[in-house]
N, C-alpha and C. Protein backbone atom coordinates (compact mmCIF):
# COMPACT_ATOMS: atom_id res chain seq x y z
N PHE A 1 0.84 -1.18 0.00
CA PHE A 1 0.00 0.00 0.00
C PHE A 1 0.88 1.24 0.00
N ILE A 2 0.50 2.22 -0.77
CA ILE A 2 1.28 3.45 -0.89
C ILE A 2 1.12 4.31 0.36
N GLN A 3 -0.11 4.40 0.87
CA GLN A 3 -0.37 5.22 2.05
C GLN A 3 -0.68 4.33 3.26
N ASN A 4 -0.20 4.76 4.41
CA ASN A 4 -0.49 4.01 5.64
C ASN A 4 -1.98 3.94 5.92
N SER A 5 -2.71 4.99 5.57
CA SER A 5 -4.16 5.00 5.81
C SER A 5 -4.85 3.92 4.99
N SER A 6 -4.35 3.66 3.79
CA SER A 6 -4.93 2.61 2.95
C SER A 6 -4.68 1.23 3.57
N LEU A 7 -3.49 1.03 4.10
CA LEU A 7 -3.16 -0.23 4.76
C LEU A 7 -4.04 -0.42 5.99
N TRP A 8 -4.22 0.64 6.79
CA TRP A 8 -5.06 0.56 7.98
C TRP A 8 -6.49 0.20 7.60
N MET A 9 -7.02 0.82 6.55
CA MET A 9 -8.38 0.53 6.11
C MET A 9 -8.49 -0.94 5.69
N HIS A 10 -7.48 -1.43 4.99
CA HIS A 10 -7.48 -2.82 4.55
C HIS A 10 -7.44 -3.77 5.75
N LYS A 11 -6.63 -3.45 6.74
CA LYS A 11 -6.53 -4.29 7.94
C LYS A 11 -7.87 -4.33 8.68
N LYS A 12 -8.59 -3.22 8.70
CA LYS A 12 -9.89 -3.16 9.38
C LYS A 12 -10.86 -4.19 8.80
N ILE A 13 -10.75 -4.43 7.50
CA ILE A 13 -11.62 -5.41 6.85
C ILE A 13 -11.38 -6.80 7.44
N HIS A 14 -10.11 -7.17 7.59
CA HIS A 14 -9.77 -8.50 8.11
C HIS A 14 -10.07 -8.65 9.59
N VAL A 15 -9.88 -7.59 10.34
CA VAL A 15 -10.11 -7.64 11.78
C VAL A 15 -11.59 -7.48 12.10
N GLY A 16 -12.32 -6.83 11.21
CA GLY A 16 -13.76 -6.64 11.42
C GLY A 16 -14.10 -5.40 12.23
N ILE A 17 -13.20 -4.43 12.26
CA ILE A 17 -13.45 -3.19 13.00
C ILE A 17 -14.44 -2.33 12.20
N LYS A 18 -15.57 -2.06 12.81
CA LYS A 18 -16.61 -1.26 12.15
C LYS A 18 -16.80 0.03 12.94
N SER A 19 -16.11 1.07 12.51
CA SER A 19 -16.07 2.33 13.25
C SER A 19 -17.23 3.27 12.96
N TYR A 20 -17.99 3.03 11.91
CA TYR A 20 -19.02 3.97 11.49
C TYR A 20 -20.40 3.37 11.74
N LYS A 21 -21.16 4.02 12.62
CA LYS A 21 -22.45 3.50 13.06
C LYS A 21 -23.60 4.38 12.61
N CYS A 22 -24.65 3.75 12.12
CA CYS A 22 -25.86 4.46 11.73
C CYS A 22 -26.65 4.82 12.99
N PHE A 23 -26.94 6.11 13.17
CA PHE A 23 -27.68 6.56 14.35
C PHE A 23 -29.15 6.16 14.27
N GLU A 24 -29.62 5.88 13.07
CA GLU A 24 -31.03 5.52 12.87
C GLU A 24 -31.32 4.08 13.31
N CYS A 25 -30.48 3.13 12.89
CA CYS A 25 -30.77 1.72 13.16
C CYS A 25 -29.66 0.97 13.89
N GLY A 26 -28.50 1.59 14.03
CA GLY A 26 -27.41 0.97 14.77
C GLY A 26 -26.49 0.08 13.95
N LYS A 27 -26.76 -0.09 12.68
CA LYS A 27 -25.90 -0.92 11.83
C LYS A 27 -24.54 -0.25 11.69
N CYS A 28 -23.47 -1.07 11.70
CA CYS A 28 -22.11 -0.53 11.67
C CYS A 28 -21.38 -0.90 10.39
N TYR A 29 -20.45 -0.03 10.00
CA TYR A 29 -19.71 -0.20 8.75
C TYR A 29 -18.23 0.06 8.94
N ILE A 30 -17.42 -0.55 8.09
CA ILE A 30 -15.98 -0.36 8.11
C ILE A 30 -15.61 0.97 7.47
N GLN A 31 -16.30 1.34 6.41
CA GLN A 31 -15.98 2.57 5.68
C GLN A 31 -17.10 3.60 5.82
N SER A 32 -16.70 4.87 5.89
CA SER A 32 -17.69 5.95 6.01
C SER A 32 -18.56 6.03 4.75
N SER A 33 -17.98 5.71 3.60
CA SER A 33 -18.76 5.76 2.35
C SER A 33 -19.89 4.72 2.37
N ALA A 34 -19.64 3.57 2.97
CA ALA A 34 -20.68 2.55 3.09
C ALA A 34 -21.80 3.02 4.01
N LEU A 35 -21.43 3.71 5.08
CA LEU A 35 -22.43 4.27 5.99
C LEU A 35 -23.27 5.31 5.27
N ARG A 36 -22.63 6.19 4.50
CA ARG A 36 -23.37 7.24 3.77
C ARG A 36 -24.36 6.60 2.79
N SER A 37 -23.95 5.56 2.10
CA SER A 37 -24.86 4.87 1.18
C SER A 37 -26.03 4.27 1.95
N HIS A 38 -25.74 3.64 3.08
CA HIS A 38 -26.78 3.04 3.90
C HIS A 38 -27.77 4.08 4.41
N GLU A 39 -27.27 5.23 4.85
CA GLU A 39 -28.14 6.27 5.40
C GLU A 39 -29.19 6.74 4.39
N LYS A 40 -28.89 6.64 3.12
CA LYS A 40 -29.86 7.02 2.09
C LYS A 40 -31.10 6.13 2.13
N THR A 41 -30.95 4.91 2.63
CA THR A 41 -32.12 4.02 2.71
C THR A 41 -33.12 4.53 3.74
N HIS A 42 -32.65 5.26 4.73
CA HIS A 42 -33.54 5.82 5.75
C HIS A 42 -34.20 7.12 5.27
N THR A 43 -33.48 7.91 4.52
CA THR A 43 -34.01 9.21 4.08
C THR A 43 -34.87 9.10 2.83
N GLY A 44 -34.71 7.99 2.09
CA GLY A 44 -35.45 7.83 0.84
C GLY A 44 -34.83 8.60 -0.30
N GLU A 45 -33.65 9.14 -0.07
CA GLU A 45 -32.92 9.91 -1.09
C GLU A 45 -32.58 9.01 -2.28
N LYS A 46 -32.95 9.45 -3.47
CA LYS A 46 -32.70 8.67 -4.68
C LYS A 46 -32.01 9.55 -5.72
N ASN A 47 -30.69 9.65 -5.62
CA ASN A 47 -29.92 10.51 -6.51
C ASN A 47 -29.36 9.80 -7.73
N GLU A 48 -29.48 8.48 -7.77
CA GLU A 48 -28.90 7.71 -8.88
C GLU A 48 -29.98 7.47 -9.93
N LYS A 49 -29.87 8.15 -11.08
CA LYS A 49 -30.91 8.12 -12.10
C LYS A 49 -30.46 7.35 -13.33
N CYS A 50 -31.33 6.48 -13.82
CA CYS A 50 -31.08 5.74 -15.06
C CYS A 50 -31.29 6.68 -16.24
N LEU A 51 -30.27 6.84 -17.05
CA LEU A 51 -30.38 7.73 -18.21
C LEU A 51 -31.24 7.14 -19.31
N GLU A 52 -31.46 5.84 -19.26
CA GLU A 52 -32.26 5.16 -20.28
C GLU A 52 -33.76 5.36 -20.06
N CYS A 53 -34.22 5.20 -18.81
CA CYS A 53 -35.66 5.25 -18.56
C CYS A 53 -36.08 6.29 -17.52
N GLY A 54 -35.12 6.90 -16.81
CA GLY A 54 -35.44 7.93 -15.84
C GLY A 54 -35.74 7.44 -14.44
N LYS A 55 -35.75 6.13 -14.23
CA LYS A 55 -36.03 5.59 -12.90
C LYS A 55 -34.88 5.95 -11.96
N CYS A 56 -35.22 6.29 -10.70
CA CYS A 56 -34.20 6.71 -9.73
C CYS A 56 -34.00 5.66 -8.65
N PHE A 57 -32.77 5.60 -8.16
CA PHE A 57 -32.38 4.61 -7.16
C PHE A 57 -31.61 5.25 -6.03
N THR A 58 -31.64 4.61 -4.88
CA THR A 58 -30.91 5.07 -3.71
C THR A 58 -29.43 4.78 -3.85
N LEU A 59 -29.09 3.59 -4.32
CA LEU A 59 -27.70 3.15 -4.39
C LEU A 59 -27.20 3.01 -5.82
N LYS A 60 -25.93 3.34 -6.04
CA LYS A 60 -25.32 3.17 -7.36
C LYS A 60 -25.33 1.70 -7.77
N SER A 61 -25.13 0.82 -6.81
CA SER A 61 -25.10 -0.61 -7.12
C SER A 61 -26.45 -1.09 -7.63
N THR A 62 -27.54 -0.55 -7.10
CA THR A 62 -28.87 -0.92 -7.56
C THR A 62 -29.11 -0.38 -8.96
N LEU A 63 -28.66 0.84 -9.22
CA LEU A 63 -28.75 1.41 -10.56
C LEU A 63 -27.97 0.56 -11.55
N TRP A 64 -26.77 0.14 -11.17
CA TRP A 64 -25.93 -0.68 -12.03
C TRP A 64 -26.64 -1.98 -12.41
N LEU A 65 -27.27 -2.64 -11.42
CA LEU A 65 -28.02 -3.87 -11.71
C LEU A 65 -29.19 -3.58 -12.63
N HIS A 66 -29.87 -2.47 -12.40
CA HIS A 66 -31.00 -2.07 -13.24
C HIS A 66 -30.55 -1.85 -14.68
N GLN A 67 -29.41 -1.20 -14.86
CA GLN A 67 -28.91 -0.92 -16.20
C GLN A 67 -28.56 -2.19 -16.96
N LYS A 68 -28.20 -3.23 -16.23
CA LYS A 68 -27.92 -4.52 -16.88
C LYS A 68 -29.18 -5.05 -17.57
N ARG A 69 -30.34 -4.74 -17.02
CA ARG A 69 -31.60 -5.17 -17.66
C ARG A 69 -31.75 -4.51 -19.03
N HIS A 70 -31.45 -3.20 -19.10
CA HIS A 70 -31.54 -2.50 -20.38
C HIS A 70 -30.56 -3.09 -21.39
N ALA A 71 -29.40 -3.50 -20.91
CA ALA A 71 -28.36 -4.04 -21.80
C ALA A 71 -28.66 -5.49 -22.18
N GLY A 72 -29.62 -6.10 -21.50
CA GLY A 72 -29.97 -7.49 -21.80
C GLY A 72 -28.97 -8.51 -21.26
N GLU A 73 -28.14 -8.09 -20.32
CA GLU A 73 -27.13 -9.00 -19.76
C GLU A 73 -27.79 -10.03 -18.85
N ARG A 74 -27.45 -11.29 -19.07
CA ARG A 74 -27.94 -12.39 -18.23
C ARG A 74 -26.80 -13.39 -18.06
N PRO A 75 -25.88 -13.08 -17.12
CA PRO A 75 -24.67 -13.90 -16.99
C PRO A 75 -24.83 -15.24 -16.27
N TYR A 76 -25.96 -15.48 -15.63
CA TYR A 76 -26.14 -16.71 -14.85
C TYR A 76 -27.02 -17.69 -15.62
N GLN A 77 -26.43 -18.81 -16.03
CA GLN A 77 -27.13 -19.78 -16.88
C GLN A 77 -27.37 -21.08 -16.13
N CYS A 78 -28.58 -21.61 -16.27
CA CYS A 78 -28.94 -22.88 -15.66
C CYS A 78 -28.22 -24.00 -16.42
N PRO A 79 -27.44 -24.82 -15.72
CA PRO A 79 -26.72 -25.90 -16.41
C PRO A 79 -27.64 -27.01 -16.90
N GLU A 80 -28.86 -27.07 -16.32
CA GLU A 80 -29.80 -28.12 -16.71
C GLU A 80 -30.60 -27.80 -17.96
N CYS A 81 -31.10 -26.57 -18.06
CA CYS A 81 -31.98 -26.24 -19.19
C CYS A 81 -31.50 -25.07 -20.04
N GLY A 82 -30.46 -24.36 -19.58
CA GLY A 82 -29.89 -23.28 -20.38
C GLY A 82 -30.53 -21.92 -20.23
N ILE A 83 -31.60 -21.80 -19.45
CA ILE A 83 -32.23 -20.49 -19.24
C ILE A 83 -31.23 -19.59 -18.53
N GLN A 84 -31.17 -18.32 -18.95
CA GLN A 84 -30.23 -17.38 -18.37
C GLN A 84 -30.94 -16.36 -17.48
N PHE A 85 -30.22 -15.94 -16.44
CA PHE A 85 -30.77 -15.00 -15.47
C PHE A 85 -29.81 -13.86 -15.21
N MET A 86 -30.36 -12.75 -14.77
CA MET A 86 -29.56 -11.57 -14.47
C MET A 86 -28.89 -11.67 -13.11
N HIS A 87 -29.57 -12.28 -12.14
CA HIS A 87 -29.06 -12.38 -10.77
C HIS A 87 -28.84 -13.84 -10.39
N SER A 88 -27.82 -14.08 -9.59
CA SER A 88 -27.55 -15.45 -9.13
C SER A 88 -28.71 -15.97 -8.28
N SER A 89 -29.37 -15.08 -7.55
CA SER A 89 -30.50 -15.50 -6.71
C SER A 89 -31.66 -16.00 -7.57
N GLU A 90 -31.85 -15.40 -8.74
CA GLU A 90 -32.91 -15.87 -9.65
C GLU A 90 -32.58 -17.27 -10.16
N LEU A 91 -31.31 -17.50 -10.48
CA LEU A 91 -30.89 -18.82 -10.95
C LEU A 91 -31.10 -19.85 -9.85
N LYS A 92 -30.72 -19.55 -8.62
CA LYS A 92 -30.89 -20.49 -7.51
C LYS A 92 -32.35 -20.85 -7.31
N ARG A 93 -33.22 -19.85 -7.36
CA ARG A 93 -34.67 -20.08 -7.22
C ARG A 93 -35.16 -20.99 -8.34
N HIS A 94 -34.70 -20.73 -9.55
CA HIS A 94 -35.08 -21.53 -10.71
C HIS A 94 -34.60 -22.98 -10.54
N GLN A 95 -33.37 -23.16 -10.08
CA GLN A 95 -32.82 -24.51 -9.92
C GLN A 95 -33.60 -25.32 -8.89
N MET A 96 -34.18 -24.67 -7.92
CA MET A 96 -35.01 -25.38 -6.94
C MET A 96 -36.22 -26.01 -7.62
N ARG A 97 -36.71 -25.38 -8.65
CA ARG A 97 -37.87 -25.93 -9.38
C ARG A 97 -37.52 -27.23 -10.09
N HIS A 98 -36.28 -27.36 -10.54
CA HIS A 98 -35.85 -28.60 -11.18
C HIS A 98 -35.86 -29.75 -10.18
N LYS A 99 -35.63 -29.45 -8.91
CA LYS A 99 -35.55 -30.48 -7.87
C LYS A 99 -36.92 -30.94 -7.39
N GLU A 100 -37.96 -30.14 -7.66
CA GLU A 100 -39.31 -30.47 -7.18
C GLU A 100 -39.87 -31.68 -7.90
């Protein structure tokens, strides 16, 4: 690591030190940026806008997943029947149906 602060942040991940606490619900985070993202779930703030359809999201990660739908990306494929899914959780749910 170039900076000592970067090394310290990395070590916190392994040790599990969560210094940033949400005053609303008490959930704790390792990074302040993760806490700020989480706090948006309490305020309902939706600053992340899809340029394709205009839908707004609280988190950039949720917007990113949404944009994959517009792109038609479906990286998770069922090995049994070949149907493709956007999320691994959708594939797992689908695979349970094969077992029924």
